[in-house]
C-alpha atoms as a PDB file:
ATOM      1  CA  MET A   1       0.087  -0.164  -0.122  1.00  0.00           C
ATOM      2  CA  LYS A   2       0.973   3.564  -1.315  1.00  0.00           C
ATOM      3  CA  ALA A   3       0.369   6.332   1.312  1.00  0.00           C
ATOM      4  CA  LYS A   4       0.845  10.283   0.536  1.00  0.00           C
ATOM      5  CA  MET A   5       1.239  12.293   2.728  1.00  0.00           C
ATOM      6  CA  TYR A   6       2.085  16.529   2.845  1.00  0.00           C
ATOM      7  CA  SER A   7       5.144  17.831   3.158  1.00  0.00           C
ATOM      8  CA  TRP A   8       4.872  18.526   6.513  1.00  0.00           C
ATOM      9  CA  LEU A   9       4.875  14.786   7.497  1.00  0.00           C
ATOM     10  CA  ARG A  10       7.932  14.195   4.820  1.00  0.00           C
ATOM     11  CA  ASN A  11      10.303  12.690   7.622  1.00  0.00           C
ATOM     12  CA  LEU A  12       7.786  10.533   9.199  1.00  0.00           C
ATOM     13  CA  VAL A  13       9.330   7.593   9.706  1.00  0.00           C
ATOM     14  CA  GLY A  14       9.338   4.340  12.143  1.00  0.00           C
ATOM     15  CA  LYS A  15       6.931   1.512  13.290  1.00  0.00           C
ATOM     16  CA  LEU A  16       2.818   2.628  14.935  1.00  0.00           C
ATOM     17  CA  ASP A  17       0.090   0.213  15.261  1.00  0.00           C
ATOM     18  CA  GLY A  18       1.696  -2.775  13.276  1.00  0.00           C
ATOM     19  CA  LEU A  19       2.589  -0.673  10.289  1.00  0.00           C
ATOM     20  CA  VAL A  20       6.057   1.143   9.040  1.00  0.00           C
ATOM     21  CA  TYR A  21       6.220   4.397   7.815  1.00  0.00           C
ATOM     22  CA  TYR A  22       9.663   5.185   5.746  1.00  0.00           C
ATOM     23  CA  ASN A  23      10.693   7.919   3.227  1.00  0.00           C
ATOM     24  CA  ASP A  24      11.423   7.273  -0.284  1.00  0.00           C
ATOM     25  CA  GLN A  25      14.123   9.533  -1.878  1.00  0.00           C
ATOM     26  CA  VAL A  26      13.365   9.043  -5.051  1.00  0.00           C
ATOM     27  CA  MET A  27      10.019   9.587  -5.481  1.00  0.00           C
ATOM     28  CA  GLY A  28       9.945  11.578  -2.334  1.00  0.00           C
ATOM     29  CA  GLU A  29       7.402   9.939  -0.549  1.00  0.00           C
ATOM     30  CA  VAL A  30       6.310   8.638   2.779  1.00  0.00           C
ATOM     31  CA  LEU A  31       5.286   4.394   2.016  1.00  0.00           C
ATOM     32  CA  VAL A  32       3.699   2.476   4.606  1.00  0.00           C
ATOM     33  CA  ARG A  33       3.860  -1.025   4.371  1.00  0.00           C
ATOM     34  CA  ASP A  34       2.994  -3.832   7.282  1.00  0.00           C
ATOM     35  CA  TYR A  35       5.857  -4.585   9.883  1.00  0.00           C
ATOM     36  CA  VAL A  36       6.866  -8.009   9.462  1.00  0.00           C
ATOM     37  CA  GLU A  37       9.059 -10.343  12.074  1.00  0.00           C
ATOM     38  CA  PRO A  38      11.760 -11.472  10.140  1.00  0.00           C
ATOM     39  CA  THR A  39      12.517 -14.859  10.512  1.00  0.00           C
ATOM     40  CA  ARG A  40      15.599 -16.027  12.635  1.00  0.00           C
ATOM     41  CA  SER A  41      18.270 -17.928  10.531  1.00  0.00           C
ATOM     42  CA  VAL A  42      21.768 -17.859   9.997  1.00  0.00           C
ATOM     43  CA  SER A  43      22.265 -15.643   7.510  1.00  0.00           C
ATOM     44  CA  ASN A  44      20.601 -13.174   9.599  1.00  0.00           C
ATOM     45  CA  ASP A  45      22.695 -13.612  12.312  1.00  0.00           C
ATOM     46  CA  ARG A  46      26.061 -13.025  10.433  1.00  0.00           C
ATOM     47  CA  LEU A  47      24.341 -10.118   8.927  1.00  0.00           C
ATOM     48  CA  GLY A  48      23.749  -8.406  11.929  1.00  0.00           C
ATOM     49  CA  ARG A  49      26.941  -9.650  13.324  1.00  0.00           C
ATOM     50  CA  ASN A  50      28.898  -8.069  10.576  1.00  0.00           C
ATOM     51  CA  SER A  51      26.677  -4.679  10.507  1.00  0.00           C
ATOM     52  CA  LEU A  52      27.683  -4.599  14.414  1.00  0.00           C
ATOM     53  CA  ASN A  53      31.239  -5.052  13.522  1.00  0.00           C
ATOM     54  CA  ILE A  54      30.995  -2.578  10.428  1.00  0.00           C
ATOM     55  CA  LYS A  55      29.775   0.067  12.969  1.00  0.00           C
ATOM     56  CA  LEU A  56      32.353  -0.344  15.411  1.00  0.00           C
ATOM     57  CA  PHE A  57      34.948  -0.780  12.253  1.00  0.00           C
ATOM     58  CA  TYR A  58      33.877   2.542  11.216  1.00  0.00           C
ATOM     59  CA  SER A  59      34.336   4.268  14.478  1.00  0.00           C
ATOM     60  CA  ASN A  60      37.893   2.810  14.646  1.00  0.00           C
ATOM     61  CA  CYS A  61      39.307   4.291  11.341  1.00  0.00           C
ATOM     62  CA  SER A  62      41.434   6.910  11.152  1.00  0.00           C
ATOM     63  CA  GLU A  63      38.672  10.479  11.052  1.00  0.00           C
ATOM     64  CA  ALA A  64      41.435  11.493   7.700  1.00  0.00           C
ATOM     65  CA  TYR A  65      40.559   8.271   6.274  1.00  0.00           C
ATOM     66  CA  LEU A  66      36.779   9.151   6.919  1.00  0.00           C
ATOM     67  CA  ARG A  67      37.139  12.423   5.264  1.00  0.00           C
ATOM     68  CA  ASP A  68      38.618  10.595   2.245  1.00  0.00           C
ATOM     69  CA  LEU A  69      35.782   8.198   2.299  1.00  0.00           C
ATOM     70  CA  GLY A  70      33.145  11.412   2.303  1.00  0.00           C
ATOM     71  CA  ILE A  71      34.729  13.376  -0.469  1.00  0.00           C
ATOM     72  CA  TYR A  72      34.883  10.179  -2.695  1.00  0.00           C
ATOM     73  CA  ALA A  73      31.243  10.013  -1.566  1.00  0.00           C
ATOM     74  CA  VAL A  74      30.303  13.428  -2.858  1.00  0.00           C
ATOM     75  CA  MET A  75      32.094  12.806  -6.239  1.00  0.00           C
ATOM     76  CA  MET A  76      30.121   9.642  -6.974  1.00  0.00           C
ATOM     77  CA  ASN A  77      27.403  11.331  -6.349  1.00  0.00           C
ATOM     78  CA  LEU A  78      28.184  14.159  -8.625  1.00  0.00           C
ATOM     79  CA  ASN A  79      29.054  11.693 -11.629  1.00  0.00           C
ATOM     80  CA  HIS A  80      25.630   9.686 -10.775  1.00  0.00           C
ATOM     81  CA  ILE A  81      23.448  12.399  -9.957  1.00  0.00           C
ATOM     82  CA  ARG A  82      20.290  10.843 -11.906  1.00  0.00           C
ATOM     83  CA  THR A  83      20.251   7.580 -10.239  1.00  0.00           C
ATOM     84  CA  GLY A  84      18.996   8.984  -6.769  1.00  0.00           C
ATOM     85  CA  HIS A  85      21.243   7.688  -4.877  1.00  0.00           C
ATOM     86  CA  LYS A  86      23.000   9.618  -1.989  1.00  0.00           C
ATOM     87  CA  LEU A  87      26.264   7.884  -0.697  1.00  0.00           C
ATOM     88  CA  ASN A  88      27.633   9.014   2.331  1.00  0.00           C
ATOM     89  CA  ARG A  89      31.068   7.929   3.807  1.00  0.00           C
ATOM     90  CA  TYR A  90      29.572   4.983   5.826  1.00  0.00           C
ATOM     91  CA  THR A  91      27.941   3.416   3.035  1.00  0.00           C
ATOM     92  CA  MET A  92      31.084   3.596   1.235  1.00  0.00           C
ATOM     93  CA  LEU A  93      32.802   1.955   3.909  1.00  0.00           C
ATOM     94  CA  THR A  94      30.175  -0.941   3.634  1.00  0.00           C
ATOM     95  CA  LYS A  95      30.530  -1.124   0.472  1.00  0.00           C
ATOM     96  CA  LEU A  96      33.995  -1.446   0.191  1.00  0.00           C
ATOM     97  CA  LEU A  97      34.162  -3.995   2.928  1.00  0.00           C
ATOM     98  CA  TYR A  98      31.855  -6.065   1.182  1.00  0.00           C
ATOM     99  CA  LYS A  99      33.880  -5.815  -2.261  1.00  0.00           C
ATOM    100  CA  LEU A 100      37.283  -6.443   0.217  1.00  0.00           C
ATOM    101  CA  GLN A 101      35.296  -9.500   1.290  1.00  0.00           C
ATOM    102  CA  LYS A 102      34.160 -10.495  -2.505  1.00  0.00           C
ATOM    103  CA  LEU A 103      38.054 -10.577  -3.338  1.00  0.00           C
ATOM    104  CA  TYR A 104      39.447 -11.859  -0.078  1.00  0.00           C
ATOM    105  CA  PRO A 105      36.914 -14.741   1.074  1.00  0.00           C
ATOM    106  CA  GLU A 106      38.902 -15.291   4.182  1.00  0.00           C
ATOM    107  CA  VAL A 107      37.818 -12.119   5.717  1.00  0.00           C
ATOM    108  CA  ASP A 108      35.709 -11.936   8.545  1.00  0.00           C
ATOM    109  CA  LEU A 109      33.464  -8.840   8.740  1.00  0.00           C
ATOM    110  CA  GLY A 110      32.178  -9.800  11.803  1.00  0.00           C
ATOM    111  CA  THR A 111      35.531  -9.273  13.204  1.00  0.00           C
ATOM    112  CA  LEU A 112      37.784  -7.431  11.062  1.00  0.00           C
ATOM    113  CA  THR A 113      39.627  -4.232  12.849  1.00  0.00           C
ATOM    114  CA  PRO A 114      41.364  -1.227  11.010  1.00  0.00           C
ATOM    115  CA  GLN A 115      44.449  -2.666  12.075  1.00  0.00           C
ATOM    116  CA  ASP A 116      43.871  -6.047  10.371  1.00  0.00           C
ATOM    117  CA  VAL A 117      43.789  -4.413   7.348  1.00  0.00           C
ATOM    118  CA  VAL A 118      47.040  -3.073   7.794  1.00  0.00           C
ATOM    119  CA  ASN A 119      48.481  -6.325   9.382  1.00  0.00           C
ATOM    120  CA  GLN A 120      47.162  -8.456   6.402  1.00  0.00           C
ATOM    121  CA  GLY A 121      48.071  -5.515   3.825  1.00  0.00           C
ATOM    122  CA  TYR A 122      44.149  -5.635   2.315  1.00  0.00           C
ATOM    123  CA  PRO A 123      44.232  -2.812  -0.366  1.00  0.00           C
ATOM    124  CA  VAL A 124      41.526  -0.816   1.376  1.00  0.00           C
ATOM    125  CA  ASP A 125      44.248   0.648   3.533  1.00  0.00           C
ATOM    126  CA  SER A 126      43.522   3.693   1.800  1.00  0.00           C
ATOM    127  CA  VAL A 127      40.641   4.970  -0.707  1.00  0.00           C
ATOM    128  CA  LEU A 128      43.730   5.572  -3.644  1.00  0.00           C
ATOM    129  CA  HIS A 129      44.609   1.980  -3.268  1.00  0.00           C
ATOM    130  CA  ALA A 130      41.222   0.451  -2.833  1.00  0.00           C
ATOM    131  CA  ILE A 131      40.549   2.392  -6.758  1.00  0.00           C
ATOM    132  CA  MET A 132      43.694   1.379  -7.665  1.00  0.00           C
ATOM    133  CA  ARG A 133      42.658  -2.220  -6.736  1.00  0.00           C
ATOM    134  CA  GLY A 134      39.566  -1.693  -8.831  1.00  0.00           C
ATOM    135  CA  LEU A 135      37.450  -1.788  -5.878  1.00  0.00           C
ATOM    136  CA  LEU A 136      36.337   1.339  -6.320  1.00  0.00           C
ATOM    137  CA  GLU A 137      35.520   3.352  -9.389  1.00  0.00           C
ATOM    138  CA  PRO A 138      37.466   6.058 -10.116  1.00  0.00           C
ATOM    139  CA  VAL A 139      36.823   9.745  -9.941  1.00  0.00           C
ATOM    140  CA  THR A 140      38.327  12.902 -10.454  1.00  0.00           C
ATOM    141  CA  GLY A 141      40.988  13.813  -8.216  1.00  0.00           C
ATOM    142  CA  PHE A 142      41.354  10.356  -6.665  1.00  0.00           C
ATOM    143  CA  GLN A 143      45.003  10.706  -6.181  1.00  0.00           C
ATOM    144  CA  ASN A 144      44.744  12.808  -3.312  1.00  0.00           C
ATOM    145  CA  LEU A 145      43.155  10.637  -1.538  1.00  0.00           C
ATOM    146  CA  ASP A 146      45.498   8.641  -0.050  1.00  0.00           C
ATOM    147  CA  ASN A 147      45.092   9.235   3.879  1.00  0.00           C
ATOM    148  CA  GLU A 148      45.579   5.910   5.631  1.00  0.00           C
ATOM    149  CA  ILE A 149      42.938   4.033   7.579  1.00  0.00           C
ATOM    150  CA  VAL A 150      44.585   4.067  11.454  1.00  0.00           C
END
């Protein structure tokens, strides 16, 4: 079911009376759906553990590295302005870590730390190295995004 609301309710998000309200950034509308309790599974547990660790990973990265990810996200948003997606430095880090896991299957995102990245020599120790290894798409001025993760 699709619900249209006036602009003063545009920021209505959350759960209420068995329904979930959320914003669709592309359509610019508030959508409503029934709340469904997810079925517990191994993959759900793994995703939850990975998500918690990525949040911790993010908080342990150097501010310069996060600034580079933010600059990269802005450049990607400018390059893909018509898609309606808005990336930020947290989503860029998440995408980057999942691409790292695809390249190196032994990487466990549930336990990975920034120091592990440096110790193992993974190519995400800087945004520049990630771009050079093909984990991220090149953008204008990417040569300057060379700050280390720790």
